[in-house]
Amino acid sequence: MKWLGLEVRAHREIDPDHAEVEFVARSRVGGRATRLHERSRFVREGGHWYYLDGDFITKDKA
């Protein structure tokens, strides 16, 4: 897999220790282009941000 780019489309602070980030990551696998569009949730603990989970966004949800 070769990563081709990352576009952060939106970010939203929910409260001082929780946030959401929407992004599109592009890559190439075996000569074929792939695209990952996700809305991810993060939590801050001890001054560090950690990924919690995320939802894939399809064209129907965008």
PDB file of N, CA and C in Angstrom:
ATOM      1  N   MET A   1       0.846  -1.172   0.000  1.00  0.00           N
ATOM      2  CA  MET A   1       0.000   0.000   0.000  1.00  0.00           C
ATOM      3  C   MET A   1       0.893   1.236   0.000  1.00  0.00           C
ATOM      4  N   LYS A   2       0.552   2.188  -0.850  1.00  0.00           N
ATOM      5  CA  LYS A   2       1.249   3.475  -0.882  1.00  0.00           C
ATOM      6  C   LYS A   2       0.229   4.576  -0.615  1.00  0.00           C
ATOM      7  N   TRP A   3       0.486   5.372   0.429  1.00  0.00           N
ATOM      8  CA  TRP A   3      -0.418   6.478   0.762  1.00  0.00           C
ATOM      9  C   TRP A   3      -0.156   7.632  -0.192  1.00  0.00           C
ATOM     10  N   LEU A   4      -1.232   8.182  -0.751  1.00  0.00           N
ATOM     11  CA  LEU A   4      -1.123   9.256  -1.736  1.00  0.00           C
ATOM     12  C   LEU A   4      -1.506  10.623  -1.169  1.00  0.00           C
ATOM     13  N   GLY A   5      -2.307  10.650  -0.130  1.00  0.00           N
ATOM     14  CA  GLY A   5      -2.691  11.936   0.429  1.00  0.00           C
ATOM     15  C   GLY A   5      -3.739  11.818   1.507  1.00  0.00           C
ATOM     16  N   LEU A   6      -3.836  12.902   2.282  1.00  0.00           N
ATOM     17  CA  LEU A   6      -4.813  12.997   3.356  1.00  0.00           C
ATOM     18  C   LEU A   6      -5.411  14.396   3.322  1.00  0.00           C
ATOM     19  N   GLU A   7      -6.722  14.473   3.255  1.00  0.00           N
ATOM     20  CA  GLU A   7      -7.433  15.750   3.257  1.00  0.00           C
ATOM     21  C   GLU A   7      -8.353  15.790   4.474  1.00  0.00           C
ATOM     22  N   VAL A   8      -8.106  16.724   5.375  1.00  0.00           N
ATOM     23  CA  VAL A   8      -8.995  16.925   6.512  1.00  0.00           C
ATOM     24  C   VAL A   8     -10.102  17.859   6.037  1.00  0.00           C
ATOM     25  N   ARG A   9     -11.311  17.367   6.038  1.00  0.00           N
ATOM     26  CA  ARG A   9     -12.443  18.148   5.520  1.00  0.00           C
ATOM     27  C   ARG A   9     -13.127  18.975   6.587  1.00  0.00           C
ATOM     28  N   ALA A  10     -13.115  18.490   7.820  1.00  0.00           N
ATOM     29  CA  ALA A  10     -13.780  19.221   8.905  1.00  0.00           C
ATOM     30  C   ALA A  10     -13.264  18.707  10.237  1.00  0.00           C
ATOM     31  N   HIS A  11     -13.353  19.559  11.238  1.00  0.00           N
ATOM     32  CA  HIS A  11     -13.064  19.131  12.602  1.00  0.00           C
ATOM     33  C   HIS A  11     -13.998  19.897  13.528  1.00  0.00           C
ATOM     34  N   ARG A  12     -14.337  19.254  14.624  1.00  0.00           N
ATOM     35  CA  ARG A  12     -15.302  19.853  15.555  1.00  0.00           C
ATOM     36  C   ARG A  12     -14.939  19.453  16.970  1.00  0.00           C
ATOM     37  N   GLU A  13     -14.769  20.450  17.824  1.00  0.00           N
ATOM     38  CA  GLU A  13     -14.547  20.185  19.238  1.00  0.00           C
ATOM     39  C   GLU A  13     -15.899  19.992  19.904  1.00  0.00           C
ATOM     40  N   ILE A  14     -16.098  18.862  20.529  1.00  0.00           N
ATOM     41  CA  ILE A  14     -17.351  18.572  21.220  1.00  0.00           C
ATOM     42  C   ILE A  14     -17.305  19.169  22.621  1.00  0.00           C
ATOM     43  N   ASP A  15     -16.193  18.956  23.299  1.00  0.00           N
ATOM     44  CA  ASP A  15     -15.896  19.580  24.594  1.00  0.00           C
ATOM     45  C   ASP A  15     -14.379  19.578  24.703  1.00  0.00           C
ATOM     46  N   PRO A  16     -13.784  20.088  25.783  1.00  0.00           N
ATOM     47  CA  PRO A  16     -12.319  20.178  25.837  1.00  0.00           C
ATOM     48  C   PRO A  16     -11.571  18.850  25.661  1.00  0.00           C
ATOM     49  N   ASP A  17     -12.227  17.727  25.898  1.00  0.00           N
ATOM     50  CA  ASP A  17     -11.549  16.432  25.800  1.00  0.00           C
ATOM     51  C   ASP A  17     -12.119  15.490  24.753  1.00  0.00           C
ATOM     52  N   HIS A  18     -13.015  15.974  23.903  1.00  0.00           N
ATOM     53  CA  HIS A  18     -13.603  15.137  22.846  1.00  0.00           C
ATOM     54  C   HIS A  18     -13.708  15.943  21.557  1.00  0.00           C
ATOM     55  N   ALA A  19     -13.399  15.289  20.435  1.00  0.00           N
ATOM     56  CA  ALA A  19     -13.460  15.967  19.144  1.00  0.00           C
ATOM     57  C   ALA A  19     -13.786  14.964  18.045  1.00  0.00           C
ATOM     58  N   GLU A  20     -14.243  15.498  16.913  1.00  0.00           N
ATOM     59  CA  GLU A  20     -14.492  14.709  15.707  1.00  0.00           C
ATOM     60  C   GLU A  20     -13.682  15.298  14.560  1.00  0.00           C
ATOM     61  N   VAL A  21     -13.211  14.423  13.679  1.00  0.00           N
ATOM     62  CA  VAL A  21     -12.475  14.844  12.496  1.00  0.00           C
ATOM     63  C   VAL A  21     -13.024  14.067  11.304  1.00  0.00           C
ATOM     64  N   GLU A  22     -13.356  14.785  10.237  1.00  0.00           N
ATOM     65  CA  GLU A  22     -13.759  14.141   8.985  1.00  0.00           C
ATOM     66  C   GLU A  22     -12.598  14.259   8.016  1.00  0.00           C
ATOM     67  N   PHE A  23     -12.229  13.134   7.395  1.00  0.00           N
ATOM     68  CA  PHE A  23     -11.092  13.152   6.480  1.00  0.00           C
ATOM     69  C   PHE A  23     -11.312  12.202   5.312  1.00  0.00           C
ATOM     70  N   VAL A  24     -10.528  12.428   4.269  1.00  0.00           N
ATOM     71  CA  VAL A  24     -10.462  11.514   3.133  1.00  0.00           C
ATOM     72  C   VAL A  24      -8.993  11.143   2.956  1.00  0.00           C
ATOM     73  N   ALA A  25      -8.692   9.846   2.998  1.00  0.00           N
ATOM     74  CA  ALA A  25      -7.341   9.341   2.771  1.00  0.00           C
ATOM     75  C   ALA A  25      -7.336   8.593   1.442  1.00  0.00           C
ATOM     76  N   ARG A  26      -6.307   8.843   0.646  1.00  0.00           N
ATOM     77  CA  ARG A  26      -6.192   8.181  -0.658  1.00  0.00           C
ATOM     78  C   ARG A  26      -4.931   7.322  -0.670  1.00  0.00           C
ATOM     79  N   SER A  27      -5.056   6.139  -1.273  1.00  0.00           N
ATOM     80  CA  SER A  27      -3.908   5.232  -1.358  1.00  0.00           C
ATOM     81  C   SER A  27      -3.985   4.425  -2.648  1.00  0.00           C
ATOM     82  N   ARG A  28      -2.904   3.693  -2.903  1.00  0.00           N
ATOM     83  CA  ARG A  28      -2.853   2.800  -4.053  1.00  0.00           C
ATOM     84  C   ARG A  28      -2.427   1.437  -3.541  1.00  0.00           C
ATOM     85  N   VAL A  29      -3.208   0.418  -3.918  1.00  0.00           N
ATOM     86  CA  VAL A  29      -2.928  -0.964  -3.519  1.00  0.00           C
ATOM     87  C   VAL A  29      -2.882  -1.805  -4.781  1.00  0.00           C
ATOM     88  N   GLY A  30      -1.740  -2.405  -5.047  1.00  0.00           N
ATOM     89  CA  GLY A  30      -1.623  -3.257  -6.229  1.00  0.00           C
ATOM     90  C   GLY A  30      -1.986  -2.544  -7.518  1.00  0.00           C
ATOM     91  N   GLY A  31      -1.628  -1.273  -7.639  1.00  0.00           N
ATOM     92  CA  GLY A  31      -1.930  -0.505  -8.840  1.00  0.00           C
ATOM     93  C   GLY A  31      -3.329   0.062  -8.887  1.00  0.00           C
ATOM     94  N   ARG A  32      -4.125  -0.204  -7.873  1.00  0.00           N
ATOM     95  CA  ARG A  32      -5.514   0.261  -7.857  1.00  0.00           C
ATOM     96  C   ARG A  32      -5.699   1.353  -6.796  1.00  0.00           C
ATOM     97  N   ALA A  33      -6.323   2.471  -7.190  1.00  0.00           N
ATOM     98  CA  ALA A  33      -6.551   3.583  -6.271  1.00  0.00           C
ATOM     99  C   ALA A  33      -7.695   3.251  -5.313  1.00  0.00           C
ATOM    100  N   THR A  34      -7.517   3.630  -4.058  1.00  0.00           N
ATOM    101  CA  THR A  34      -8.559   3.448  -3.052  1.00  0.00           C
ATOM    102  C   THR A  34      -8.777   4.776  -2.325  1.00  0.00           C
ATOM    103  N   ARG A  35      -9.941   4.900  -1.716  1.00  0.00           N
ATOM    104  CA  ARG A  35     -10.323   6.126  -1.027  1.00  0.00           C
ATOM    105  C   ARG A  35     -11.053   5.753   0.255  1.00  0.00           C
ATOM    106  N   LEU A  36     -10.659   6.363   1.365  1.00  0.00           N
ATOM    107  CA  LEU A  36     -11.304   6.133   2.650  1.00  0.00           C
ATOM    108  C   LEU A  36     -11.829   7.469   3.161  1.00  0.00           C
ATOM    109  N   HIS A  37     -13.143   7.569   3.327  1.00  0.00           N
ATOM    110  CA  HIS A  37     -13.792   8.789   3.837  1.00  0.00           C
ATOM    111  C   HIS A  37     -14.390   8.411   5.177  1.00  0.00           C
ATOM    112  N   GLU A  38     -13.940   9.080   6.245  1.00  0.00           N
ATOM    113  CA  GLU A  38     -14.341   8.684   7.586  1.00  0.00           C
ATOM    114  C   GLU A  38     -14.572   9.900   8.474  1.00  0.00           C
ATOM    115  N   ARG A  39     -15.487   9.757   9.408  1.00  0.00           N
ATOM    116  CA  ARG A  39     -15.684  10.714  10.502  1.00  0.00           C
ATOM    117  C   ARG A  39     -15.240   9.989  11.769  1.00  0.00           C
ATOM    118  N   SER A  40     -14.155  10.485  12.374  1.00  0.00           N
ATOM    119  CA  SER A  40     -13.515   9.813  13.508  1.00  0.00           C
ATOM    120  C   SER A  40     -13.748  10.575  14.803  1.00  0.00           C
ATOM    121  N   ARG A  41     -13.807   9.836  15.892  1.00  0.00           N
ATOM    122  CA  ARG A  41     -13.959  10.432  17.218  1.00  0.00           C
ATOM    123  C   ARG A  41     -12.676  10.223  18.019  1.00  0.00           C
ATOM    124  N   PHE A  42     -12.287  11.268  18.747  1.00  0.00           N
ATOM    125  CA  PHE A  42     -11.057  11.255  19.534  1.00  0.00           C
ATOM    126  C   PHE A  42     -11.348  11.700  20.956  1.00  0.00           C
ATOM    127  N   VAL A  43     -10.511  11.238  21.892  1.00  0.00           N
ATOM    128  CA  VAL A  43     -10.607  11.650  23.288  1.00  0.00           C
ATOM    129  C   VAL A  43      -9.210  12.086  23.742  1.00  0.00           C
ATOM    130  N   ARG A  44      -9.157  13.111  24.587  1.00  0.00           N
ATOM    131  CA  ARG A  44      -7.885  13.556  25.142  1.00  0.00           C
ATOM    132  C   ARG A  44      -7.752  13.028  26.564  1.00  0.00           C
ATOM    133  N   GLU A  45      -6.649  12.322  26.803  1.00  0.00           N
ATOM    134  CA  GLU A  45      -6.359  11.789  28.142  1.00  0.00           C
ATOM    135  C   GLU A  45      -4.900  12.093  28.453  1.00  0.00           C
ATOM    136  N   GLY A  46      -4.657  12.700  29.597  1.00  0.00           N
ATOM    137  CA  GLY A  46      -3.293  13.014  29.985  1.00  0.00           C
ATOM    138  C   GLY A  46      -2.579  13.925  29.012  1.00  0.00           C
ATOM    139  N   GLY A  47      -3.331  14.796  28.336  1.00  0.00           N
ATOM    140  CA  GLY A  47      -2.738  15.735  27.388  1.00  0.00           C
ATOM    141  C   GLY A  47      -2.480  15.176  26.007  1.00  0.00           C
ATOM    142  N   HIS A  48      -2.858  13.904  25.752  1.00  0.00           N
ATOM    143  CA  HIS A  48      -2.646  13.269  24.449  1.00  0.00           C
ATOM    144  C   HIS A  48      -3.987  12.893  23.835  1.00  0.00           C
ATOM    145  N   TRP A  49      -4.098  13.044  22.508  1.00  0.00           N
ATOM    146  CA  TRP A  49      -5.321  12.671  21.800  1.00  0.00           C
ATOM    147  C   TRP A  49      -5.234  11.218  21.354  1.00  0.00           C
ATOM    148  N   TYR A  50      -6.338  10.476  21.539  1.00  0.00           N
ATOM    149  CA  TYR A  50      -6.426   9.074  21.154  1.00  0.00           C
ATOM    150  C   TYR A  50      -7.662   8.839  20.291  1.00  0.00           C
ATOM    151  N   TYR A  51      -7.471   8.027  19.271  1.00  0.00           N
ATOM    152  CA  TYR A  51      -8.569   7.623  18.389  1.00  0.00           C
ATOM    153  C   TYR A  51      -9.502   6.692  19.154  1.00  0.00           C
ATOM    154  N   LEU A  52     -10.808   6.970  19.107  1.00  0.00           N
ATOM    155  CA  LEU A  52     -11.808   6.089  19.729  1.00  0.00           C
ATOM    156  C   LEU A  52     -12.420   5.154  18.701  1.00  0.00           C
ATOM    157  N   ASP A  53     -13.072   5.747  17.706  1.00  0.00           N
ATOM    158  CA  ASP A  53     -13.726   4.973  16.656  1.00  0.00           C
ATOM    159  C   ASP A  53     -14.127   5.922  15.539  1.00  0.00           C
ATOM    160  N   GLY A  54     -14.743   5.366  14.520  1.00  0.00           N
ATOM    161  CA  GLY A  54     -15.151   6.198  13.393  1.00  0.00           C
ATOM    162  C   GLY A  54     -16.226   5.529  12.570  1.00  0.00           C
ATOM    163  N   ASP A  55     -16.839   6.340  11.732  1.00  0.00           N
ATOM    164  CA  ASP A  55     -17.876   5.866  10.801  1.00  0.00           C
ATOM    165  C   ASP A  55     -17.422   6.147   9.386  1.00  0.00           C
ATOM    166  N   PHE A  56     -17.498   5.141   8.523  1.00  0.00           N
ATOM    167  CA  PHE A  56     -17.206   5.352   7.106  1.00  0.00           C
ATOM    168  C   PHE A  56     -18.333   6.179   6.508  1.00  0.00           C
ATOM    169  N   ILE A  57     -17.964   7.076   5.627  1.00  0.00           N
ATOM    170  CA  ILE A  57     -18.954   7.901   4.948  1.00  0.00           C
ATOM    171  C   ILE A  57     -18.999   7.461   3.489  1.00  0.00           C
ATOM    172  N   THR A  58     -20.178   7.086   3.047  1.00  0.00           N
ATOM    173  CA  THR A  58     -20.389   6.720   1.653  1.00  0.00           C
ATOM    174  C   THR A  58     -21.004   7.899   0.939  1.00  0.00           C
ATOM    175  N   LYS A  59     -21.116   7.824  -0.358  1.00  0.00           N
ATOM    176  CA  LYS A  59     -21.725   8.922  -1.124  1.00  0.00           C
ATOM    177  C   LYS A  59     -23.140   9.204  -0.631  1.00  0.00           C
ATOM    178  N   ASP A  60     -23.849   8.181  -0.152  1.00  0.00           N
ATOM    179  CA  ASP A  60     -25.215   8.363   0.338  1.00  0.00           C
ATOM    180  C   ASP A  60     -25.256   9.192   1.618  1.00  0.00           C
ATOM    181  N   LYS A  61     -24.162   9.114   2.454  1.00  0.00           N
ATOM    182  CA  LYS A  61     -24.134   9.812   3.739  1.00  0.00           C
ATOM    183  C   LYS A  61     -23.471  11.175   3.655  1.00  0.00           C
ATOM    184  N   ALA A  62     -22.713  11.445   2.606  1.00  0.00           N
ATOM    185  CA  ALA A  62     -21.894  12.665   2.502  1.00  0.00           C
ATOM    186  C   ALA A  62     -22.741  13.919   2.469  1.00  0.00           C
TER     187      ALA A  62
END
